[in-house]
Amino acid sequence: MKIAVIGTGYVGLVSGVCFSETGVEVTCIDNNQEKIDKLNLGEIPIYEPTLDILMKRNFSEGRLRFTIDLRAGIENAEIIFLALPTPECEDGSADLSYVLKMAETLSGIITSYKVIVNKSTVPVGTAAKVQAIFNEKCKVKVDVISNPEFLREGFAVEDFLKPDRIVIGSSSEAAIELMTKLYKPFVRQGNPIFIMDEKSAELTKYAGNAFLAMKISFMNEMANIAEKVGANIELVRKGIGTDHRIGGAFLYAGLGYGGSCFPKDVKAIQKIAIDNDYDFKLVNSVLKVNQLQREKFFNKIKSNIDLKGKKIALWGLSFKPNTDDIREAPALYIIEKLIESDAIVSAYDPEGMPNVKKQLGAAIHYCQNMYDALDGADALVIVTEWTVFRTPDFPKMKSLMTGNVIFDGRNLFDLEEMKAQGYKYFSIGRNAVTIE
């Protein structure tokens, strides 16, 4: 089977590489010549564990290629995936201009039956809009379907190769047959392929992300209550997470969600509700709680240390571990507020520093490792729960820091250990540790 993937961003690149791993011939297409040149040299523009290994193997074996030539790239493909940007508009809706423009372009160059797959997260009804363009302007039959992705950054390769489920939105028997054949190697363990109409498939992606965002916001609200009554949110999490009706995922209190999906998708489903005259109170609250959580955390910092002229060490810049993605990252908000308070910020992140440097330049200091950031610091602020931060050398930390205050936005450390180590320790949804 031969397929094409248009767009070599996060979703497009992961999809193309993983499809090639099953023996499919994949052509990845992008209009950015510099990016294509780098990919042909084996340079990956994103950080995702094991993606580089799979890409180099399949590229060297001829199953994976990268090109800027759209016409040649799609010519022999049976299936064409659209993995294009759908950025957030000012009103919270998704910008479909890239998707619709590509549909118009493809409708003029396709000469044989193709299945066009919307892989991007798009509003309900997008498949119908794209199908209408092909029906009007393309000389041959084309089936447009919805096939949402469910990839977690940091685990995207694993999620793609071993999916919980595949969702295919289509009413075309020919398209369903081709897509089922393509995905068959990924569901050999019996995980389901759900066939549904296009609108239901489009809404499924938004519903999934909005529900997970709701779990995060719910636990952050519970954490705020826990602090007020003197409870420990980590114990509460364990107490409810083992209930199979609830499950343990996305129950960690912290600084709220970030990244490219949850913020954009929750706002998009809010906009869908508004456009259809529905007041989606739960989603509205999820958005509000998520913003308030990082504000509450910064207020905790500001109320416990005079920030003016103080050096603050920051551990973590990416919105979550195992990625270099800083989109909607809580760290950016914390940094902005620290700078406004005349603090000096020294930061370390295993992968996110280059992207932050592109955005903030020399506004903060970028350190070679986690301990360099602590040198002369009055306080440490933990924003991202990278594994390397979980078991630090506490005596070494103390010898480097001027102060002894830790603000932990991810609840990495045990309260009793912090007390034994002599730290003033502030976390989320737990009692503060103070020293005499």
Protein backbone atom coordinates (compact mmCIF):
# COMPACT_ATOMS: atom_id res chain seq x y z
CA MET A 1 0.00 0.00 0.00
CA LYS A 2 1.15 3.53 -0.77
CA ILE A 3 0.03 6.59 1.17
CA ALA A 4 0.89 10.29 1.39
CA VAL A 5 0.93 12.50 4.47
CA ILE A 6 0.64 16.23 3.85
CA GLY A 7 2.20 18.16 6.71
CA THR A 8 5.28 17.12 8.67
CA GLY A 9 4.36 18.66 11.99
CA TYR A 10 3.90 16.61 15.14
CA VAL A 11 0.94 14.51 13.99
CA GLY A 12 2.02 14.18 10.37
CA LEU A 13 5.57 13.10 11.09
CA VAL A 14 4.64 10.58 13.78
CA SER A 15 1.88 9.15 11.57
CA GLY A 16 4.07 8.86 8.51
CA VAL A 17 6.95 7.22 10.34
CA CYS A 18 4.74 4.75 12.18
CA PHE A 19 2.81 3.75 9.05
CA SER A 20 6.13 3.04 7.29
CA GLU A 21 7.10 0.76 10.19
CA THR A 22 4.38 -1.70 9.02
CA GLY A 23 5.75 -1.92 5.47
CA VAL A 24 3.58 0.80 3.93
CA GLU A 25 5.32 3.10 1.44
CA VAL A 26 4.91 6.60 2.83
CA THR A 27 5.60 9.96 1.20
CA CYS A 28 5.61 12.89 3.63
CA ILE A 29 5.00 16.24 1.97
CA ASP A 30 5.61 19.76 3.26
CA ASN A 31 5.94 23.19 1.66
CA ASN A 32 8.90 24.09 3.89
CA GLN A 33 12.01 23.26 1.87
CA GLU A 34 14.35 23.75 4.83
CA LYS A 35 12.39 21.28 6.95
CA ILE A 36 12.28 18.71 4.13
CA ASP A 37 16.04 19.06 3.57
CA LYS A 38 16.69 18.44 7.26
CA LEU A 39 14.37 15.43 7.36
CA ASN A 40 16.19 13.96 4.36
CA LEU A 41 19.40 14.35 6.36
CA GLY A 42 17.83 12.51 9.32
CA GLU A 43 17.26 15.64 11.44
CA ILE A 44 13.94 15.64 13.32
CA PRO A 45 12.33 19.01 14.16
CA ILE A 46 10.57 17.72 17.30
CA TYR A 47 11.58 15.66 20.32
CA GLU A 48 9.63 12.43 20.68
CA PRO A 49 11.18 9.30 22.23
CA THR A 50 12.22 6.60 19.67
CA LEU A 51 10.85 8.56 16.69
CA ASP A 52 14.37 9.20 15.38
CA ILE A 53 15.24 5.49 15.44
CA LEU A 54 12.15 4.47 13.47
CA MET A 55 12.53 7.32 11.00
CA LYS A 56 16.15 6.55 10.16
CA ARG A 57 15.44 2.82 9.75
CA ASN A 58 12.47 3.21 7.43
CA PHE A 59 14.12 6.01 5.47
CA SER A 60 17.23 3.91 4.86
CA GLU A 61 15.10 0.95 3.77
CA GLY A 62 13.20 3.07 1.25
CA ARG A 63 9.74 2.94 2.80
CA LEU A 64 9.76 6.56 3.91
CA ARG A 65 10.58 9.63 1.87
CA PHE A 66 10.19 13.39 2.21
CA THR A 67 9.42 15.84 -0.56
CA ILE A 68 8.16 19.33 -1.32
CA ASP A 69 6.62 18.16 -4.63
CA LEU A 70 2.89 17.81 -3.90
CA ARG A 71 1.84 16.50 -7.31
CA ALA A 72 4.50 13.79 -7.41
CA GLY A 73 4.00 12.96 -3.75
CA ILE A 74 0.30 12.14 -4.04
CA GLU A 75 0.29 10.65 -7.54
CA ASN A 76 0.49 6.97 -6.57
CA ALA A 77 -1.00 7.24 -3.10
CA GLU A 78 -4.25 5.39 -2.42
CA ILE A 79 -4.80 7.37 0.80
CA ILE A 80 -3.84 10.99 1.44
CA PHE A 81 -3.68 12.18 5.06
CA LEU A 82 -4.15 15.87 5.80
CA ALA A 83 -2.09 16.64 8.90
CA LEU A 84 -2.30 20.39 8.59
CA PRO A 85 -2.39 23.18 11.19
CA THR A 86 -5.78 24.23 12.56
CA PRO A 87 -4.70 27.13 14.78
CA GLU A 88 -7.00 28.77 17.26
CA CYS A 89 -8.81 31.90 16.08
CA GLU A 90 -9.45 34.84 18.39
CA ASP A 91 -12.98 33.61 19.09
CA GLY A 92 -11.76 30.13 20.06
CA SER A 93 -12.79 28.46 16.80
CA ALA A 94 -10.40 26.40 14.68
CA ASP A 95 -8.90 28.05 11.60
CA LEU A 96 -9.66 25.72 8.68
CA SER A 97 -7.96 27.82 5.99
CA TYR A 98 -5.00 25.42 5.57
CA VAL A 99 -7.28 22.40 5.24
CA LEU A 100 -9.73 24.03 2.82
CA LYS A 101 -6.99 25.56 0.68
CA MET A 102 -5.27 22.19 0.38
CA ALA A 103 -8.56 20.58 -0.65
CA GLU A 104 -8.87 23.12 -3.46
CA THR A 105 -5.30 22.47 -4.59
CA LEU A 106 -5.67 18.69 -4.51
CA SER A 107 -8.97 18.80 -6.39
CA GLY A 108 -7.09 20.22 -9.38
CA ILE A 109 -4.32 17.62 -9.52
CA ILE A 110 -5.90 14.31 -8.45
CA THR A 111 -6.47 12.03 -11.46
CA SER A 112 -7.66 8.78 -9.84
CA TYR A 113 -9.78 7.64 -6.88
CA LYS A 114 -8.31 8.64 -3.52
CA VAL A 115 -9.34 8.57 0.10
CA ILE A 116 -8.69 11.95 1.73
CA VAL A 117 -8.27 11.64 5.49
CA ASN A 118 -8.72 14.56 7.88
CA LYS A 119 -6.13 13.71 10.53
CA SER A 120 -6.11 17.21 11.99
CA THR A 121 -8.44 18.04 14.85
CA VAL A 122 -11.28 19.89 13.15
CA PRO A 123 -14.78 21.12 14.03
CA VAL A 124 -17.85 19.01 13.40
CA GLY A 125 -18.86 19.28 9.74
CA THR A 126 -15.36 19.81 8.33
CA ALA A 127 -15.34 16.53 6.40
CA ALA A 128 -18.55 17.60 4.69
CA LYS A 129 -17.03 20.96 3.75
CA VAL A 130 -13.94 19.31 2.30
CA GLN A 131 -16.05 16.72 0.47
CA ALA A 132 -18.11 19.52 -1.08
CA ILE A 133 -14.95 21.09 -2.53
CA PHE A 134 -13.93 17.83 -4.18
CA ASN A 135 -17.44 17.14 -5.44
CA GLU A 136 -17.50 20.54 -7.12
CA LYS A 137 -13.97 20.82 -8.47
CA CYS A 138 -12.41 17.37 -8.82
CA LYS A 139 -12.89 15.39 -12.04
CA VAL A 140 -12.69 11.98 -10.32
CA LYS A 141 -14.38 10.46 -7.30
CA VAL A 142 -12.80 11.24 -3.93
CA ASP A 143 -13.99 10.10 -0.50
CA VAL A 144 -13.28 12.41 2.43
CA ILE A 145 -13.26 10.80 5.87
CA SER A 146 -12.44 11.67 9.48
CA ASN A 147 -9.74 9.74 11.34
CA PRO A 148 -8.86 11.62 14.56
CA GLU A 149 -5.57 10.99 16.32
CA PHE A 150 -5.26 10.17 20.02
CA LEU A 151 -1.54 10.69 20.61
CA ARG A 152 0.02 11.76 23.89
CA GLU A 153 3.15 13.84 23.47
CA GLY A 154 6.03 11.91 24.96
CA PHE A 155 4.27 8.61 24.21
CA ALA A 156 3.14 9.28 20.64
CA VAL A 157 5.04 6.45 18.97
CA GLU A 158 3.81 3.94 21.53
CA ASP A 159 0.24 5.25 21.22
CA PHE A 160 0.32 5.03 17.43
CA LEU A 161 1.82 1.55 17.22
CA LYS A 162 -0.39 0.17 20.01
CA PRO A 163 -3.62 2.20 19.92
CA ASP A 164 -6.45 1.76 22.40
CA ARG A 165 -8.85 2.18 19.49
CA ILE A 166 -9.07 3.46 15.93
CA VAL A 167 -11.92 5.77 14.95
CA ILE A 168 -12.91 5.99 11.27
CA GLY A 169 -15.68 8.35 10.27
CA SER A 170 -17.03 7.45 6.84
CA SER A 171 -20.10 6.18 5.00
CA SER A 172 -18.08 4.95 2.01
CA GLU A 173 -17.56 1.18 1.86
CA ALA A 174 -14.51 1.61 -0.39
CA ALA A 175 -12.87 4.08 1.99
CA ILE A 176 -13.67 1.96 5.05
CA GLU A 177 -12.16 -1.11 3.38
CA LEU A 178 -8.92 0.72 2.54
CA MET A 179 -8.61 2.27 6.02
CA THR A 180 -9.32 -1.03 7.76
CA LYS A 181 -6.60 -2.68 5.67
CA LEU A 182 -4.15 0.10 6.54
CA TYR A 183 -4.80 -0.13 10.28
CA LYS A 184 -5.01 -3.93 10.52
CA PRO A 185 -1.35 -4.36 11.69
CA PHE A 186 -2.01 -2.00 14.61
CA VAL A 187 -4.97 -3.90 16.10
CA ARG A 188 -3.69 -7.47 16.05
CA GLN A 189 -4.18 -7.66 19.83
CA GLY A 190 -7.91 -7.15 19.38
CA ASN A 191 -8.26 -3.45 20.09
CA PRO A 192 -11.32 -2.12 18.25
CA ILE A 193 -11.75 -0.16 15.04
CA PHE A 194 -14.88 1.94 15.42
CA ILE A 195 -16.70 2.82 12.21
CA MET A 196 -19.06 5.78 12.56
CA ASP A 197 -20.35 8.77 10.63
CA GLU A 198 -17.99 11.67 9.96
CA LYS A 199 -19.59 14.12 12.39
CA SER A 200 -19.50 11.64 15.27
CA ALA A 201 -15.82 10.93 14.58
CA GLU A 202 -15.01 14.65 14.58
CA LEU A 203 -16.87 15.19 17.84
CA THR A 204 -15.23 12.13 19.44
CA LYS A 205 -11.81 13.81 19.43
CA TYR A 206 -13.09 16.97 21.09
CA ALA A 207 -15.12 14.99 23.61
CA GLY A 208 -12.12 12.90 24.63
CA ASN A 209 -9.80 15.85 25.19
CA ALA A 210 -12.44 17.93 26.95
CA PHE A 211 -13.21 15.06 29.33
CA LEU A 212 -9.54 14.56 30.22
CA ALA A 213 -9.09 18.30 30.72
CA MET A 214 -12.12 18.19 33.01
CA LYS A 215 -10.48 15.49 35.16
CA ILE A 216 -7.39 17.67 35.54
CA SER A 217 -9.39 20.75 36.49
CA PHE A 218 -11.55 18.73 38.88
CA MET A 219 -8.50 17.44 40.76
CA ASN A 220 -7.04 20.93 40.93
CA GLU A 221 -10.28 22.16 42.50
CA MET A 222 -10.13 19.27 44.97
CA ALA A 223 -6.52 20.18 45.72
CA ASN A 224 -7.58 23.72 46.62
CA ILE A 225 -10.18 22.32 49.01
CA ALA A 226 -7.60 19.89 50.45
CA GLU A 227 -5.29 22.77 51.33
CA LYS A 228 -8.08 24.62 53.12
CA VAL A 229 -9.18 21.64 55.23
CA GLY A 230 -5.68 20.23 55.86
CA ALA A 231 -6.07 17.08 53.73
CA ASN A 232 -3.45 15.55 51.40
CA ILE A 233 -4.55 15.49 47.76
CA GLU A 234 -2.08 12.72 46.93
CA LEU A 235 -3.85 10.39 49.35
CA VAL A 236 -7.23 11.47 47.97
CA ARG A 237 -5.97 10.70 44.45
CA LYS A 238 -5.01 7.18 45.45
CA GLY A 239 -8.30 6.72 47.25
CA ILE A 240 -10.40 7.48 44.19
CA GLY A 241 -8.04 6.45 41.39
CA THR A 242 -8.33 2.75 42.21
CA ASP A 243 -12.09 2.90 41.59
CA HIS A 244 -12.40 1.30 38.14
CA ARG A 245 -15.26 3.66 37.32
CA ILE A 246 -12.88 6.63 37.67
CA GLY A 247 -9.42 5.31 36.80
CA GLY A 248 -6.08 6.73 37.89
CA ALA A 249 -5.08 8.67 34.76
CA PHE A 250 -5.22 12.49 34.72
CA LEU A 251 -5.92 12.70 38.46
CA TYR A 252 -2.70 14.47 39.41
CA ALA A 253 -3.10 17.91 40.94
CA GLY A 254 -0.71 20.50 39.58
CA LEU A 255 -0.50 23.64 37.47
CA GLY A 256 -3.15 22.64 34.96
CA TYR A 257 -2.96 21.38 31.40
CA GLY A 258 -1.05 22.93 28.50
CA GLY A 259 0.32 21.87 25.13
CA SER A 260 -1.14 22.01 21.65
CA CYS A 261 -4.30 19.94 22.16
CA PHE A 262 -6.18 20.43 25.42
CA PRO A 263 -6.24 24.27 25.49
CA LYS A 264 -7.17 24.58 21.81
CA ASP A 265 -9.66 21.72 21.75
CA VAL A 266 -11.50 22.73 24.91
CA LYS A 267 -11.90 26.27 23.55
CA ALA A 268 -13.03 24.85 20.22
CA ILE A 269 -15.77 22.72 21.77
CA GLN A 270 -16.82 25.77 23.80
CA LYS A 271 -17.14 27.67 20.50
CA ILE A 272 -19.10 24.80 18.93
CA ALA A 273 -21.54 25.00 21.86
CA ILE A 274 -21.88 28.78 21.51
CA ASP A 275 -22.50 28.50 17.76
CA ASN A 276 -25.28 26.02 18.48
CA ASP A 277 -26.91 28.11 21.22
CA TYR A 278 -25.83 25.82 24.05
CA ASP A 279 -24.33 27.00 27.33
CA PHE A 280 -21.72 24.33 28.08
CA LYS A 281 -21.25 25.22 31.75
CA LEU A 282 -18.86 22.37 32.54
CA VAL A 283 -16.43 23.23 29.75
CA ASN A 284 -16.59 26.91 30.67
CA SER A 285 -15.56 26.00 34.22
CA VAL A 286 -12.75 23.73 33.03
CA LEU A 287 -11.17 26.64 31.15
CA LYS A 288 -11.57 29.03 34.08
CA VAL A 289 -10.14 26.59 36.63
CA ASN A 290 -7.13 25.83 34.43
CA GLN A 291 -6.15 29.49 34.22
CA LEU A 292 -6.80 30.15 37.89
CA GLN A 293 -4.61 27.23 38.96
CA ARG A 294 -1.37 28.75 37.70
CA GLU A 295 -2.42 32.13 39.11
CA LYS A 296 -2.97 30.56 42.54
CA PHE A 297 0.44 28.89 42.38
CA PHE A 298 2.23 32.13 41.56
CA ASN A 299 0.37 33.92 44.35
CA LYS A 300 1.64 31.20 46.70
CA ILE A 301 5.19 31.99 45.59
CA LYS A 302 4.74 35.75 45.90
CA SER A 303 3.14 35.56 49.33
CA ASN A 304 5.97 33.48 50.79
CA ILE A 305 9.05 35.20 49.37
CA ASP A 306 9.94 38.78 48.47
CA LEU A 307 10.80 38.32 44.78
CA LYS A 308 12.42 41.67 44.03
CA GLY A 309 16.07 41.08 43.16
CA LYS A 310 15.87 37.43 44.20
CA LYS A 311 17.28 34.61 42.07
CA ILE A 312 14.66 31.96 41.38
CA ALA A 313 15.63 28.58 39.92
CA LEU A 314 13.07 27.00 37.62
CA TRP A 315 13.03 23.27 36.92
CA GLY A 316 10.96 22.47 33.83
CA LEU A 317 9.85 24.53 30.85
CA SER A 318 7.97 22.15 28.55
CA PHE A 319 4.26 21.71 29.26
CA LYS A 320 4.87 18.06 30.25
CA PRO A 321 7.81 15.62 30.45
CA ASN A 322 9.29 13.82 27.43
CA THR A 323 8.57 16.61 24.98
CA ASP A 324 10.09 19.91 23.91
CA ASP A 325 6.63 21.43 23.36
CA ILE A 326 6.17 24.70 25.27
CA ARG A 327 2.81 25.71 23.79
CA GLU A 328 0.52 26.92 26.60
CA ALA A 329 3.15 25.71 29.09
CA PRO A 330 2.50 26.86 32.69
CA ALA A 331 6.21 27.72 32.93
CA LEU A 332 5.75 30.62 30.51
CA TYR A 333 3.12 32.20 32.77
CA ILE A 334 5.27 31.68 35.89
CA ILE A 335 8.32 33.19 34.16
CA GLU A 336 6.31 36.21 33.00
CA LYS A 337 5.09 36.89 36.52
CA LEU A 338 8.53 36.38 38.08
CA ILE A 339 10.07 38.87 35.67
CA GLU A 340 7.25 41.36 36.37
CA SER A 341 8.15 40.99 40.06
CA ASP A 342 11.81 41.87 39.31
CA ALA A 343 13.10 38.37 40.05
CA ILE A 344 16.11 36.86 38.28
CA VAL A 345 15.21 33.52 36.66
CA SER A 346 17.63 30.68 35.96
CA ALA A 347 16.01 27.69 34.26
CA TYR A 348 16.73 24.15 33.20
CA ASP A 349 14.71 21.71 31.09
CA PRO A 350 16.10 18.59 29.37
CA GLU A 351 14.44 19.45 26.03
CA GLY A 352 12.44 22.66 26.17
CA MET A 353 15.15 25.32 26.51
CA PRO A 354 15.80 25.94 22.77
CA ASN A 355 12.11 26.65 22.14
CA VAL A 356 11.85 28.96 25.15
CA LYS A 357 14.99 30.78 24.04
CA LYS A 358 13.40 31.42 20.64
CA GLN A 359 10.43 32.99 22.40
CA LEU A 360 11.98 34.79 25.38
CA GLY A 361 15.57 35.34 24.26
CA ALA A 362 17.87 36.53 27.04
CA ALA A 363 15.06 37.38 29.47
CA ILE A 364 16.10 34.39 31.62
CA HIS A 365 19.29 32.40 32.15
CA TYR A 366 19.49 28.92 30.57
CA CYS A 367 21.54 26.39 32.52
CA GLN A 368 23.46 23.27 31.46
CA ASN A 369 21.91 21.07 34.13
CA MET A 370 19.46 21.14 37.02
CA TYR A 371 22.11 21.90 39.63
CA ASP A 372 23.62 24.82 37.71
CA ALA A 373 20.24 26.50 37.94
CA LEU A 374 20.39 26.29 41.75
CA ASP A 375 23.72 28.10 42.15
CA GLY A 376 22.98 31.09 44.40
CA ALA A 377 19.21 30.65 44.11
CA ASP A 378 16.94 31.98 46.84
CA ALA A 379 14.19 29.51 45.93
CA LEU A 380 13.43 26.63 43.59
CA VAL A 381 10.21 26.42 41.56
CA ILE A 382 9.34 23.04 40.01
CA VAL A 383 7.02 23.32 37.02
CA THR A 384 7.46 20.13 34.94
CA GLU A 385 7.70 16.62 36.40
CA TRP A 386 10.69 15.29 34.44
CA THR A 387 11.90 12.01 35.94
CA VAL A 388 15.36 13.44 36.52
CA PHE A 389 13.87 15.90 39.04
CA ARG A 390 12.26 13.21 41.20
CA THR A 391 15.30 11.97 43.14
CA PRO A 392 17.76 14.87 43.39
CA ASP A 393 20.80 15.15 45.64
CA PHE A 394 19.24 17.23 48.43
CA PRO A 395 22.50 17.96 50.30
CA LYS A 396 24.06 19.17 47.03
CA MET A 397 21.01 21.34 46.41
CA LYS A 398 21.33 22.90 49.84
CA SER A 399 25.03 23.62 49.36
CA LEU A 400 24.31 25.45 46.10
CA MET A 401 21.24 27.45 47.12
CA THR A 402 21.31 30.66 49.12
CA GLY A 403 17.79 30.05 50.36
CA ASN A 404 15.97 26.89 51.42
CA VAL A 405 12.53 27.33 49.85
CA ILE A 406 10.94 24.99 47.29
CA PHE A 407 7.67 25.62 45.47
CA ASP A 408 6.65 22.32 43.88
CA GLY A 409 3.93 22.59 41.26
CA ARG A 410 3.96 18.82 40.60
CA ASN A 411 4.09 17.28 44.11
CA LEU A 412 7.33 15.42 43.43
CA PHE A 413 8.61 15.14 46.98
CA ASP A 414 7.46 13.55 50.22
CA LEU A 415 6.42 15.99 52.94
CA GLU A 416 8.26 14.19 55.72
CA GLU A 417 11.46 14.05 53.68
CA MET A 418 11.27 17.77 53.01
CA LYS A 419 10.90 18.40 56.72
CA ALA A 420 13.87 16.13 57.50
CA GLN A 421 15.97 17.91 54.85
CA GLY A 422 15.17 21.29 56.40
CA TYR A 423 13.31 22.86 53.50
CA LYS A 424 10.39 25.22 53.49
CA TYR A 425 8.23 23.31 51.05
CA PHE A 426 5.04 24.40 49.32
CA SER A 427 3.18 22.02 47.01
CA ILE A 428 -0.33 21.58 45.58
CA GLY A 429 -3.22 20.33 47.74
CA ARG A 430 -1.00 19.45 50.72
CA ASN A 431 0.03 21.18 53.93
CA ALA A 432 3.07 23.42 53.67
CA VAL A 433 6.25 22.25 55.37
CA THR A 434 7.69 24.95 57.60
CA ILE A 435 10.75 24.92 59.82
CA GLU A 436 11.34 26.50 63.20
